[in-house]
Amino acid sequence: MNLPLTCSIAGGLVWLGVLTFGVVSEQIKTRLEVNAELKDTKDVKDQKIITTPSGLKYVDRRIGGGAPVERGFLIILDYRATADGKVFEDTKERGKPIVFRYGSRPFTGGLCQGVEEALSNMRAGGIRVVTVPPQLGFGDQGAMLRPTEHVPEKQGEVHPGATLEYELNLIRVSIPPS
């Protein structure tokens, strides 16, 4: 038997084992995280409106049991957004939640400073309804959502000075890949 060939095959098998272990351990870790999020998630019965010093108002429908939001972490978020009662963005209806790095600007799609503030003290698995005053939303300039490579059907308009309402469903918070 050829020794270099045997070493190459053995080395390849070891490398395959390392890769397999990495993939399987990541899947197990993800399942454990999801189970912990579900286990520690609590529906809110007595909904209280919280008003922050900036004027943002929110009501928690579900307190998430997963990882807390941290600057630089990846966020997977489903949301429905209205401007003065008219829907301008609905990732739930589209079936495509958005993924973005929390705290990075410019804001993604239909998100604004008020959403960033609302997410700041949420945990994965949480659901929150947020009312965003114009100064934390799109202000006097409003916004026009345009199609993107990933969401070609995206469209929506927010007129200047609009009060916004979001229903945020924080699906996942995770450390970004390095």
Protein backbone atom coordinates (compact mmCIF):
# COMPACT_ATOMS: atom_id res chain seq x y z
CA MET A 1 0.00 0.00 0.00
CA ASN A 2 1.18 3.49 -0.81
CA LEU A 3 1.84 5.40 2.46
CA PRO A 4 1.31 8.97 1.08
CA LEU A 5 -2.06 7.91 -0.39
CA THR A 6 -3.09 6.35 2.95
CA CYS A 7 -2.08 9.53 4.80
CA SER A 8 -4.02 11.66 2.29
CA ILE A 9 -7.14 9.55 2.71
CA ALA A 10 -6.77 9.55 6.51
CA GLY A 11 -6.22 13.31 6.54
CA GLY A 12 -9.27 13.81 4.32
CA LEU A 13 -11.39 11.66 6.63
CA VAL A 14 -10.20 13.58 9.68
CA TRP A 15 -11.04 16.87 7.96
CA LEU A 16 -14.47 15.52 6.98
CA GLY A 17 -15.03 14.53 10.62
CA VAL A 18 -14.09 18.01 11.83
CA LEU A 19 -16.46 19.66 9.33
CA THR A 20 -19.28 17.24 10.18
CA PHE A 21 -18.80 17.86 13.90
CA GLY A 22 -18.94 21.61 13.31
CA VAL A 23 -22.16 21.42 11.28
CA VAL A 24 -23.87 18.99 13.66
CA SER A 25 -22.82 20.93 16.77
CA GLU A 26 -24.15 24.18 15.22
CA GLN A 27 -27.47 22.47 14.46
CA ILE A 28 -27.70 21.18 18.03
CA LYS A 29 -26.81 24.63 19.41
CA THR A 30 -29.51 26.24 17.23
CA ARG A 31 -32.13 23.72 18.36
CA LEU A 32 -31.19 24.26 22.02
CA GLU A 33 -31.42 28.05 21.56
CA VAL A 34 -34.85 27.75 19.89
CA ASN A 35 -36.09 25.46 22.68
CA ALA A 36 -34.83 27.89 25.34
CA GLU A 37 -36.51 30.80 23.53
CA LEU A 38 -39.82 28.96 23.41
CA LYS A 39 -39.58 27.75 27.01
CA ASP A 40 -38.87 31.20 28.45
CA THR A 41 -41.29 33.14 26.21
CA LYS A 42 -44.37 34.54 27.98
CA ASP A 43 -47.55 36.04 26.54
CA VAL A 44 -48.54 39.33 28.19
CA LYS A 45 -52.08 39.46 29.60
CA ASP A 46 -52.27 42.97 31.06
CA GLN A 47 -50.96 45.06 28.21
CA LYS A 48 -49.53 48.31 29.53
CA ILE A 49 -48.51 51.15 27.22
CA ILE A 50 -44.94 52.22 27.87
CA THR A 51 -43.87 55.71 26.78
CA THR A 52 -40.15 56.38 26.53
CA PRO A 53 -38.55 59.82 27.12
CA SER A 54 -38.19 60.20 23.33
CA GLY A 55 -41.97 59.86 22.81
CA LEU A 56 -41.95 56.28 21.50
CA LYS A 57 -44.89 54.18 22.76
CA TYR A 58 -45.08 50.41 22.86
CA VAL A 59 -47.07 47.48 24.18
CA ASP A 60 -45.58 44.03 24.60
CA ARG A 61 -47.78 41.18 23.43
CA ARG A 62 -45.14 38.54 24.12
CA ILE A 63 -41.95 38.78 26.15
CA GLY A 64 -39.21 36.88 24.35
CA GLY A 65 -37.16 34.29 26.17
CA GLY A 66 -34.23 34.25 23.77
CA ALA A 67 -31.08 36.27 23.34
CA PRO A 68 -31.19 40.02 24.01
CA VAL A 69 -30.55 42.50 21.22
CA GLU A 70 -26.97 43.78 21.15
CA ARG A 71 -25.27 46.27 18.87
CA GLY A 72 -23.61 44.50 15.94
CA PHE A 73 -25.64 41.28 16.34
CA LEU A 74 -27.75 39.92 13.49
CA ILE A 75 -31.48 40.42 13.85
CA ILE A 76 -34.16 38.42 12.04
CA LEU A 77 -37.36 40.43 12.18
CA ASP A 78 -40.87 40.10 10.84
CA TYR A 79 -42.93 43.28 10.93
CA ARG A 80 -46.02 45.00 9.66
CA ALA A 81 -45.75 48.77 9.36
CA THR A 82 -48.43 51.41 8.82
CA ALA A 83 -48.22 55.16 8.32
CA ASP A 84 -51.30 56.93 9.67
CA GLY A 85 -53.21 53.63 9.31
CA LYS A 86 -52.08 52.72 5.77
CA VAL A 87 -49.75 49.69 5.34
CA PHE A 88 -46.43 50.58 3.75
CA GLU A 89 -44.46 47.40 4.51
CA ASP A 90 -45.45 43.88 5.60
CA THR A 91 -42.73 41.25 5.73
CA LYS A 92 -45.20 38.73 7.21
CA GLU A 93 -47.50 38.94 4.20
CA ARG A 94 -44.52 38.76 1.86
CA GLY A 95 -43.22 35.71 3.73
CA LYS A 96 -39.69 37.12 3.95
CA PRO A 97 -38.46 38.44 7.29
CA ILE A 98 -35.59 40.89 7.12
CA VAL A 99 -32.10 40.24 8.40
CA PHE A 100 -29.85 43.10 9.41
CA ARG A 101 -27.07 44.06 11.77
CA TYR A 102 -28.54 45.91 14.75
CA GLY A 103 -27.14 49.40 15.26
CA SER A 104 -25.78 49.75 11.74
CA ARG A 105 -26.99 52.66 9.69
CA PRO A 106 -28.41 53.65 7.31
CA PHE A 107 -31.55 51.79 8.35
CA THR A 108 -32.79 48.83 6.36
CA GLY A 109 -35.92 49.11 4.21
CA GLY A 110 -38.87 50.46 6.15
CA LEU A 111 -37.06 50.67 9.47
CA CYS A 112 -36.32 53.89 11.33
CA GLN A 113 -34.77 55.22 14.53
CA GLY A 114 -37.97 54.47 16.49
CA VAL A 115 -37.81 50.77 15.56
CA GLU A 116 -34.17 50.62 16.60
CA GLU A 117 -35.12 52.10 19.98
CA ALA A 118 -38.06 49.66 20.34
CA LEU A 119 -35.82 46.67 19.61
CA SER A 120 -33.13 47.79 22.08
CA ASN A 121 -34.67 46.04 25.09
CA MET A 122 -36.38 43.11 23.38
CA ARG A 123 -35.37 39.46 23.36
CA ALA A 124 -35.72 36.89 20.60
CA GLY A 125 -39.25 35.51 20.53
CA GLY A 126 -40.82 38.82 21.60
CA ILE A 127 -43.71 40.58 19.91
CA ARG A 128 -44.23 44.32 20.42
CA VAL A 129 -46.60 46.90 18.94
CA VAL A 130 -44.86 50.26 18.61
CA THR A 131 -46.15 53.76 17.86
CA VAL A 132 -43.40 55.93 16.40
CA PRO A 133 -43.81 59.72 16.38
CA PRO A 134 -42.66 61.52 13.20
CA GLN A 135 -39.38 62.72 14.74
CA LEU A 136 -38.33 59.08 15.34
CA GLY A 137 -39.79 57.90 12.05
CA PHE A 138 -39.19 59.42 8.64
CA GLY A 139 -39.76 63.01 9.77
CA ASP A 140 -40.48 65.84 7.37
CA GLN A 141 -38.94 64.01 4.40
CA GLY A 142 -41.16 60.88 4.47
CA ALA A 143 -39.95 57.75 2.67
CA MET A 144 -40.44 55.83 -0.55
CA LEU A 145 -39.68 52.09 -0.40
CA ARG A 146 -38.33 50.75 -3.67
CA PRO A 147 -37.78 47.24 -5.00
CA THR A 148 -34.44 45.62 -4.18
CA GLU A 149 -32.54 42.64 -5.53
CA HIS A 150 -33.78 40.48 -2.64
CA VAL A 151 -37.32 41.91 -2.52
CA PRO A 152 -38.32 42.93 -6.05
CA GLU A 153 -41.98 43.39 -5.03
CA LYS A 154 -41.15 45.91 -2.26
CA GLN A 155 -43.02 49.17 -2.53
CA GLY A 156 -44.60 51.59 -0.14
CA GLU A 157 -44.81 55.26 0.69
CA VAL A 158 -44.71 57.19 3.94
CA HIS A 159 -45.83 60.79 3.62
CA PRO A 160 -43.93 63.52 5.50
CA GLY A 161 -44.84 63.92 9.18
CA ALA A 162 -46.54 60.53 9.44
CA THR A 163 -47.02 58.72 12.75
CA LEU A 164 -45.97 55.10 12.28
CA GLU A 165 -47.14 51.89 13.90
CA TYR A 166 -45.15 48.66 13.75
CA GLU A 167 -45.94 45.19 14.95
CA LEU A 168 -42.47 43.73 15.54
CA ASN A 169 -41.89 39.99 15.81
CA LEU A 170 -38.26 39.46 16.83
CA ILE A 171 -37.56 35.99 15.48
CA ARG A 172 -33.85 35.60 16.21
CA VAL A 173 -30.82 37.41 17.60
CA SER A 174 -27.43 35.92 16.87
CA ILE A 175 -23.75 36.71 16.86
CA PRO A 176 -22.68 37.66 13.34
CA PRO A 177 -20.22 35.43 11.51
CA SER A 178 -16.67 36.69 11.71
